[in-house]
Structures are given as structure tokens and as C-alpha cells.
Amino acid sequence: MQKELVDIVGEVKHLILRFETAIKNKNLFFVADMPAFLEIKINRIQLKQLLYNIIANICQYTDVGGEFAITLYEEDGLLHIIASNDVSDTSAIDFARVFDLFYIAGNNELSSGVGMYVIKQAAESLGGSAQFAPTEQGVILSVQFPLIKAGDSDEA
């Protein structure tokens, strides 16, 4: 896959705007903790697919009137994308199966069961990983993969 320099912060902001109607309809509050600019070398389509599925899942599964947060940071040569959201009842989620293709938590008729699978596959294809776990207020998705910046070798 062809890699190019992409501002991941700009991509996240653009996707949040695409979900603006869903965010308003559910009266969601969100926090973005990101640098002003972070340019990485990556396949743009692959990155958009990963980010789209993260944000779509957040919007779909955050409780009405709840909060979600997206955090981006680099550490030890890895890019970390952390997404957390309010979910009042996590009892219907089988955390061991959440990345399985076609797994749907509870009776969610709007879910295809593909989003979390795509997230994990994208992270792994970038040489990284994805984890999903409960928190006191809901859930947290952590994705990390090797960070390639301008001037770095494409081999990750």
C-alpha cells in the first residue's frame, strides 16, 4: 500500500465533523486531547478506515447525553489512539469476542458486527494492536502502531 504524509489530527477533526449530526442527535459531549498537528507516513485510505470505525463505534455506543474522548499521542516510537466513552451497562458486552467478525453486543439492531473487527485488522496490518476493556464509566479502546514520520524509513 502506498504511504504518504498525512496529518492524523486533521483527519480526526474532519471525521468528527462528519458525525456532527449523530453527536447532536444523541446530545453527546466530546473531548479531544491531541497535538495541534501530527504528520505521519501512512496509507491515507487505511488510516481513514481505522479512524472512521473508531468514531462510528463511539457515536453509536455512547449513552445518550454521555461523553466520549479521543486521545492521540506518540510514545516510544508508537502512535497511540485512545477512545473512551460512557456506557452505563457493559454487561451485554463479551469483551473476549468484541473483535470477532460479526460480533454484536446485546440487541443492537444498527450494528453490522464489522467495525471492531476492521479496527483490529487495520491496527495489526500497521504492525500494531488493539485492546478493548471496561472502565468505571464505560469502555476504552486502545490502538497503537509504529509511528513513521517524514524522513523515516517506510519499513515498520
C-alpha atoms as a PDB file:
ATOM      1  CA  MET A   1       0.000   0.000   0.000  1.00  0.00           C
ATOM      2  CA  GLN A   2       1.302   3.413  -0.927  1.00  0.00           C
ATOM      3  CA  LYS A   3       2.158   5.630   2.037  1.00  0.00           C
ATOM      4  CA  GLU A   4       2.010   9.403   2.129  1.00  0.00           C
ATOM      5  CA  LEU A   5       2.362  12.126   4.740  1.00  0.00           C
ATOM      6  CA  VAL A   6      -0.984  12.672   6.496  1.00  0.00           C
ATOM      7  CA  ASP A   7      -1.915  14.963   9.391  1.00  0.00           C
ATOM      8  CA  ILE A   8      -3.748  12.482  11.609  1.00  0.00           C
ATOM      9  CA  VAL A   9      -5.113  15.292  13.805  1.00  0.00           C
ATOM     10  CA  GLY A  10      -6.723  16.909  10.767  1.00  0.00           C
ATOM     11  CA  GLU A  11      -8.227  13.572   9.751  1.00  0.00           C
ATOM     12  CA  VAL A  12      -9.762  13.070  13.210  1.00  0.00           C
ATOM     13  CA  LYS A  13     -11.215  16.599  13.207  1.00  0.00           C
ATOM     14  CA  HIS A  14     -12.651  16.075   9.711  1.00  0.00           C
ATOM     15  CA  LEU A  15     -14.333  12.807  10.744  1.00  0.00           C
ATOM     16  CA  ILE A  16     -15.768  14.332  13.924  1.00  0.00           C
ATOM     17  CA  LEU A  17     -17.418  16.952  11.704  1.00  0.00           C
ATOM     18  CA  ARG A  18     -18.876  14.175   9.519  1.00  0.00           C
ATOM     19  CA  PHE A  19     -20.519  12.709  12.623  1.00  0.00           C
ATOM     20  CA  GLU A  20     -21.747  16.093  13.879  1.00  0.00           C
ATOM     21  CA  THR A  21     -25.431  15.250  13.290  1.00  0.00           C
ATOM     22  CA  ALA A  22     -25.193  11.950  15.190  1.00  0.00           C
ATOM     23  CA  ILE A  23     -23.345  13.709  18.011  1.00  0.00           C
ATOM     24  CA  LYS A  24     -26.021  16.414  18.247  1.00  0.00           C
ATOM     25  CA  ASN A  25     -28.935  13.950  17.963  1.00  0.00           C
ATOM     26  CA  LYS A  26     -27.626  11.971  20.944  1.00  0.00           C
ATOM     27  CA  ASN A  27     -26.628  15.141  22.831  1.00  0.00           C
ATOM     28  CA  LEU A  28     -23.064  13.860  23.200  1.00  0.00           C
ATOM     29  CA  PHE A  29     -20.198  15.793  24.705  1.00  0.00           C
ATOM     30  CA  PHE A  30     -16.713  15.033  23.458  1.00  0.00           C
ATOM     31  CA  VAL A  31     -13.159  15.820  24.434  1.00  0.00           C
ATOM     32  CA  ALA A  32     -10.238  15.633  22.032  1.00  0.00           C
ATOM     33  CA  ASP A  33      -6.761  15.501  23.552  1.00  0.00           C
ATOM     34  CA  MET A  34      -4.405  15.752  20.597  1.00  0.00           C
ATOM     35  CA  PRO A  35      -1.432  17.781  19.488  1.00  0.00           C
ATOM     36  CA  ALA A  36      -2.228  20.661  17.126  1.00  0.00           C
ATOM     37  CA  PHE A  37      -0.579  18.788  14.261  1.00  0.00           C
ATOM     38  CA  LEU A  38       0.885  15.303  13.890  1.00  0.00           C
ATOM     39  CA  GLU A  39       2.061  14.287  10.450  1.00  0.00           C
ATOM     40  CA  ILE A  40       2.683  10.588   9.908  1.00  0.00           C
ATOM     41  CA  LYS A  41       3.587   8.463   6.909  1.00  0.00           C
ATOM     42  CA  ILE A  42       0.748   6.025   6.279  1.00  0.00           C
ATOM     43  CA  ASN A  43      -1.697   4.817   3.665  1.00  0.00           C
ATOM     44  CA  ARG A  44      -4.416   7.500   3.820  1.00  0.00           C
ATOM     45  CA  ILE A  45      -7.277   5.119   2.997  1.00  0.00           C
ATOM     46  CA  GLN A  46      -6.192   2.649   5.651  1.00  0.00           C
ATOM     47  CA  LEU A  47      -5.949   5.438   8.231  1.00  0.00           C
ATOM     48  CA  LYS A  48      -9.376   6.837   7.328  1.00  0.00           C
ATOM     49  CA  GLN A  49     -10.911   3.364   7.564  1.00  0.00           C
ATOM     50  CA  LEU A  50      -9.417   2.874  11.027  1.00  0.00           C
ATOM     51  CA  LEU A  51     -10.458   6.308  12.313  1.00  0.00           C
ATOM     52  CA  TYR A  52     -13.924   6.115  10.757  1.00  0.00           C
ATOM     53  CA  ASN A  53     -14.670   2.834  12.510  1.00  0.00           C
ATOM     54  CA  ILE A  54     -13.364   4.129  15.843  1.00  0.00           C
ATOM     55  CA  ILE A  55     -15.500   7.278  15.688  1.00  0.00           C
ATOM     56  CA  ALA A  56     -18.563   5.461  14.313  1.00  0.00           C
ATOM     57  CA  ASN A  57     -18.433   2.990  17.211  1.00  0.00           C
ATOM     58  CA  ILE A  58     -18.036   5.784  19.728  1.00  0.00           C
ATOM     59  CA  CYS A  59     -21.041   7.671  18.370  1.00  0.00           C
ATOM     60  CA  GLN A  60     -23.178   4.560  18.125  1.00  0.00           C
ATOM     61  CA  TYR A  61     -22.445   3.120  21.559  1.00  0.00           C
ATOM     62  CA  THR A  62     -22.079   6.185  23.804  1.00  0.00           C
ATOM     63  CA  ASP A  63     -25.102   6.637  26.059  1.00  0.00           C
ATOM     64  CA  VAL A  64     -27.499   9.447  25.090  1.00  0.00           C
ATOM     65  CA  GLY A  65     -26.260  12.591  26.812  1.00  0.00           C
ATOM     66  CA  GLY A  66     -22.954  10.872  27.527  1.00  0.00           C
ATOM     67  CA  GLU A  67     -19.348  11.774  26.893  1.00  0.00           C
ATOM     68  CA  PHE A  68     -16.631  10.360  24.700  1.00  0.00           C
ATOM     69  CA  ALA A  69     -12.973  11.202  24.414  1.00  0.00           C
ATOM     70  CA  ILE A  70     -10.317  10.701  21.775  1.00  0.00           C
ATOM     71  CA  THR A  71      -6.656  10.959  22.706  1.00  0.00           C
ATOM     72  CA  LEU A  72      -3.706  10.840  20.291  1.00  0.00           C
ATOM     73  CA  TYR A  73      -0.101  10.767  21.412  1.00  0.00           C
ATOM     74  CA  GLU A  74       3.255   9.337  20.461  1.00  0.00           C
ATOM     75  CA  GLU A  75       5.433   7.392  22.857  1.00  0.00           C
ATOM     76  CA  ASP A  76       8.419   5.085  22.371  1.00  0.00           C
ATOM     77  CA  GLY A  77       8.041   5.128  18.586  1.00  0.00           C
ATOM     78  CA  LEU A  78       4.352   4.216  18.697  1.00  0.00           C
ATOM     79  CA  LEU A  79       1.261   6.209  17.808  1.00  0.00           C
ATOM     80  CA  HIS A  80      -1.451   5.697  20.419  1.00  0.00           C
ATOM     81  CA  ILE A  81      -5.131   6.285  19.688  1.00  0.00           C
ATOM     82  CA  ILE A  82      -7.285   6.016  22.803  1.00  0.00           C
ATOM     83  CA  ALA A  83     -11.068   6.249  22.548  1.00  0.00           C
ATOM     84  CA  SER A  84     -13.282   6.057  25.612  1.00  0.00           C
ATOM     85  CA  ASN A  85     -16.993   6.542  26.011  1.00  0.00           C
ATOM     86  CA  ASP A  86     -19.800   6.455  28.552  1.00  0.00           C
ATOM     87  CA  VAL A  87     -21.779   3.214  28.594  1.00  0.00           C
ATOM     88  CA  SER A  88     -23.972   2.730  31.645  1.00  0.00           C
ATOM     89  CA  ASP A  89     -24.338  -1.042  31.213  1.00  0.00           C
ATOM     90  CA  THR A  90     -21.457  -3.111  29.854  1.00  0.00           C
ATOM     91  CA  SER A  91     -22.932  -6.462  30.948  1.00  0.00           C
ATOM     92  CA  ALA A  92     -24.052  -7.337  27.395  1.00  0.00           C
ATOM     93  CA  ILE A  93     -20.512  -6.967  26.026  1.00  0.00           C
ATOM     94  CA  ASP A  94     -18.415 -10.105  25.681  1.00  0.00           C
ATOM     95  CA  PHE A  95     -15.001  -8.428  25.851  1.00  0.00           C
ATOM     96  CA  ALA A  96     -13.236 -11.631  24.754  1.00  0.00           C
ATOM     97  CA  ARG A  97     -15.215 -11.680  21.480  1.00  0.00           C
ATOM     98  CA  VAL A  98     -15.600  -7.969  20.697  1.00  0.00           C
ATOM     99  CA  PHE A  99     -13.053  -8.095  17.834  1.00  0.00           C
ATOM    100  CA  ASP A 100     -14.668 -11.174  16.225  1.00  0.00           C
ATOM    101  CA  LEU A 101     -16.164 -10.621  12.785  1.00  0.00           C
ATOM    102  CA  PHE A 102     -19.967 -10.130  13.053  1.00  0.00           C
ATOM    103  CA  TYR A 103     -19.953 -10.000  16.866  1.00  0.00           C
ATOM    104  CA  ILE A 104     -22.746  -7.712  18.066  1.00  0.00           C
ATOM    105  CA  ALA A 105     -23.082  -6.729  21.728  1.00  0.00           C
ATOM    106  CA  GLY A 106     -26.612  -7.040  23.080  1.00  0.00           C
ATOM    107  CA  ASN A 107     -29.594  -6.330  20.854  1.00  0.00           C
ATOM    108  CA  ASN A 108     -28.094  -3.536  18.777  1.00  0.00           C
ATOM    109  CA  GLU A 109     -30.065  -3.647  15.535  1.00  0.00           C
ATOM    110  CA  LEU A 110     -27.956  -0.867  13.978  1.00  0.00           C
ATOM    111  CA  SER A 111     -24.687  -2.765  14.270  1.00  0.00           C
ATOM    112  CA  SER A 112     -23.167  -4.832  11.480  1.00  0.00           C
ATOM    113  CA  GLY A 113     -20.623  -6.502  13.737  1.00  0.00           C
ATOM    114  CA  VAL A 114     -17.808  -5.408  11.426  1.00  0.00           C
ATOM    115  CA  GLY A 115     -16.423  -2.167  12.941  1.00  0.00           C
ATOM    116  CA  MET A 116     -14.322  -3.548  15.783  1.00  0.00           C
ATOM    117  CA  TYR A 117     -13.049  -6.340  13.541  1.00  0.00           C
ATOM    118  CA  VAL A 118     -11.895  -3.739  10.988  1.00  0.00           C
ATOM    119  CA  ILE A 119     -10.211  -1.714  13.747  1.00  0.00           C
ATOM    120  CA  LYS A 120      -8.190  -4.687  14.954  1.00  0.00           C
ATOM    121  CA  GLN A 121      -7.284  -5.812  11.426  1.00  0.00           C
ATOM    122  CA  ALA A 122      -6.162  -2.293  10.489  1.00  0.00           C
ATOM    123  CA  ALA A 123      -4.046  -1.961  13.633  1.00  0.00           C
ATOM    124  CA  GLU A 124      -2.413  -5.339  13.028  1.00  0.00           C
ATOM    125  CA  SER A 125      -1.756  -4.597   9.352  1.00  0.00           C
ATOM    126  CA  LEU A 126       0.111  -1.487  10.529  1.00  0.00           C
ATOM    127  CA  GLY A 127       2.262  -3.652  12.805  1.00  0.00           C
ATOM    128  CA  GLY A 128       0.311  -2.782  15.945  1.00  0.00           C
ATOM    129  CA  SER A 129      -2.533  -3.976  18.112  1.00  0.00           C
ATOM    130  CA  ALA A 130      -5.909  -3.064  19.589  1.00  0.00           C
ATOM    131  CA  GLN A 131      -7.409  -3.688  23.023  1.00  0.00           C
ATOM    132  CA  PHE A 132     -10.902  -3.102  24.416  1.00  0.00           C
ATOM    133  CA  ALA A 133     -11.783  -3.064  28.111  1.00  0.00           C
ATOM    134  CA  PRO A 134     -14.402  -1.865  30.598  1.00  0.00           C
ATOM    135  CA  THR A 135     -13.852   1.246  32.741  1.00  0.00           C
ATOM    136  CA  GLU A 136     -15.824   2.712  35.653  1.00  0.00           C
ATOM    137  CA  GLN A 137     -17.880   4.904  33.305  1.00  0.00           C
ATOM    138  CA  GLY A 138     -17.966   2.726  30.203  1.00  0.00           C
ATOM    139  CA  VAL A 139     -15.362   1.330  27.841  1.00  0.00           C
ATOM    140  CA  ILE A 140     -11.951   2.151  26.416  1.00  0.00           C
ATOM    141  CA  LEU A 141     -10.446   1.213  23.068  1.00  0.00           C
ATOM    142  CA  SER A 142      -6.663   1.428  22.742  1.00  0.00           C
ATOM    143  CA  VAL A 143      -4.970   1.195  19.359  1.00  0.00           C
ATOM    144  CA  GLN A 144      -1.257   1.508  18.847  1.00  0.00           C
ATOM    145  CA  PHE A 145       1.089   1.020  15.914  1.00  0.00           C
ATOM    146  CA  PRO A 146       4.611   2.035  14.884  1.00  0.00           C
ATOM    147  CA  LEU A 147       4.844   5.723  14.066  1.00  0.00           C
ATOM    148  CA  ILE A 148       6.513   6.665  10.792  1.00  0.00           C
ATOM    149  CA  LYS A 149       7.249  10.358  10.358  1.00  0.00           C
ATOM    150  CA  ALA A 150       8.576  12.366   7.424  1.00  0.00           C
ATOM    151  CA  GLY A 151      12.108  11.248   6.660  1.00  0.00           C
ATOM    152  CA  ASP A 152      11.743   7.923   8.491  1.00  0.00           C
ATOM    153  CA  SER A 153      12.082   4.634   6.674  1.00  0.00           C
ATOM    154  CA  ASP A 154       8.793   3.121   5.462  1.00  0.00           C
ATOM    155  CA  GLU A 155       9.711  -0.207   6.972  1.00  0.00           C
ATOM    156  CA  ALA A 156       7.628  -0.587  10.131  1.00  0.00           C
END
